[in-house]
Protein backbone atom coordinates (compact mmCIF):
# COMPACT_ATOMS: atom_id res chain seq x y z
CA LEU A 1 26.54 -5.74 59.80
CA LYS A 2 28.60 -6.99 56.85
CA MET A 3 25.48 -8.29 55.10
CA PHE A 4 23.81 -4.91 55.67
CA LEU A 5 26.78 -3.04 54.17
CA ASN A 6 27.00 -5.44 51.22
CA PHE A 7 23.31 -5.00 50.44
CA PHE A 8 23.46 -1.21 50.49
CA GLY A 9 26.80 -1.14 48.65
CA GLY A 10 25.29 -3.25 45.89
CA LEU A 11 22.11 -1.17 45.81
CA ALA A 12 24.06 2.07 45.61
CA ALA A 13 26.25 0.64 42.85
CA HIS A 14 23.16 -0.40 40.90
CA TYR A 15 21.78 3.14 40.95
CA PHE A 16 25.13 4.64 39.97
CA PHE A 17 25.31 2.28 36.99
CA VAL A 18 21.76 3.14 35.95
CA ALA A 19 22.66 6.85 36.12
CA ARG A 20 25.90 6.15 34.23
CA ASP A 21 23.88 4.65 31.37
CA GLU A 22 21.85 7.88 31.17
CA ALA A 23 24.81 10.28 31.42
CA LYS A 24 24.97 12.92 28.70
CA ASN A 25 28.75 13.31 28.60
CA THR A 26 31.91 11.31 29.16
CA GLU A 27 32.91 13.08 32.37
CA ASP A 28 29.59 12.30 34.07
CA ALA A 29 29.59 8.73 32.75
CA ARG A 30 33.13 8.20 34.06
CA ARG A 31 32.36 9.68 37.48
CA LEU A 32 29.20 7.60 37.92
CA PHE A 33 30.90 4.43 36.67
CA MET A 34 33.83 4.84 39.06
CA THR A 35 31.48 5.63 41.95
CA GLY A 36 29.48 2.48 41.22
CA VAL A 37 32.60 0.31 41.16
CA GLY A 38 33.84 2.12 44.26
CA ALA A 39 30.60 1.39 46.15
CA LEU A 40 31.10 -2.33 45.60
CA MET A 41 34.78 -2.11 46.53
CA ALA A 42 33.92 -0.22 49.72
CA SER A 43 31.57 -3.01 50.76
CA SER A 44 34.33 -5.59 50.09
CA GLU A 45 32.48 -7.04 47.11
CA PHE A 46 35.67 -7.18 45.05
CA LYS A 47 34.68 -9.90 42.60
CA GLN A 48 31.29 -8.24 42.04
CA ALA A 49 33.02 -4.90 41.49
CA MET A 50 35.21 -6.35 38.74
CA LEU A 51 32.27 -8.15 37.10
CA ALA A 52 30.17 -4.97 37.23
CA ALA A 53 33.04 -2.99 35.73
CA ASP A 54 33.16 -5.37 32.77
CA GLN A 55 29.39 -5.25 32.39
CA HIS A 56 28.99 -1.47 32.63
CA ILE A 57 32.17 -0.07 31.04
CA GLY A 58 30.44 0.55 27.70
CA ASP A 59 31.91 3.45 25.74
CA LEU A 60 34.51 4.07 28.48
CA GLU A 61 36.48 1.00 27.40
CA ASP A 62 39.17 3.14 25.74
CA ASP A 63 39.03 6.03 28.23
CA THR A 64 42.46 6.62 29.75
CA GLU A 65 41.23 7.78 33.16
CA THR A 66 38.82 4.86 33.43
CA LEU A 67 41.51 2.33 32.52
CA ARG A 68 43.88 3.82 35.10
CA TYR A 69 41.15 3.61 37.73
CA LEU A 70 40.33 0.01 36.82
CA THR A 71 43.99 -0.98 36.93
CA ARG A 72 44.23 0.27 40.51
CA ALA A 73 40.83 -1.18 41.46
CA ALA A 74 41.77 -4.62 40.12
CA LEU A 75 44.99 -4.58 42.15
CA ALA A 76 43.02 -3.58 45.25
CA ALA A 77 40.56 -6.39 44.50
CA GLY A 78 43.41 -8.90 44.49
CA ASP A 79 43.16 -9.58 40.76
CA PRO A 80 46.61 -8.87 39.28
CA ALA A 81 45.77 -10.58 35.98
CA ARG A 82 42.86 -8.22 35.43
CA ALA A 83 45.03 -5.26 36.47
CA ALA A 84 47.62 -6.33 33.87
CA TYR A 85 44.87 -6.54 31.25
CA TYR A 86 43.78 -2.96 31.94
CA ALA A 87 47.41 -1.77 32.04
CA ARG A 88 48.05 -3.35 28.62
CA ARG A 89 44.94 -1.60 27.29
CA LEU A 90 46.40 1.68 28.56
CA VAL A 91 49.80 1.11 27.01
CA PHE A 92 48.53 -0.13 23.67
CA GLN A 93 45.68 2.31 23.12
CA ARG A 94 45.09 3.31 19.55
CA LEU A 95 47.44 6.14 18.73
CA PRO A 96 46.65 8.78 16.13
CA VAL A 97 48.33 8.22 12.79
CA ARG A 98 51.04 10.79 12.02
CA GLY A 99 50.08 13.39 9.49
CA THR A 100 46.36 13.24 10.28
CA SER A 101 44.32 15.43 12.55
């Protein structure tokens, strides 16, 4: 049963990542990306989920909601070093320069 769930979790994730690459806006890209990572997490493919996140993050690499999600996902995956990396990215995001719009 576990092999069955892993196969379909990975297959579902693949299709979510393909759709994420074709998304027309950030909200759809984020939702599809998180769903793809979540599919792998749900099938207990934690290492694969983290590798896929790195591979498919693309233009979401500075997205606050995505980084929050990945911080929690990395903790759930048992990877505190990766969670700390994402948390640092959140804390030290580029801030707008004062006096500019």
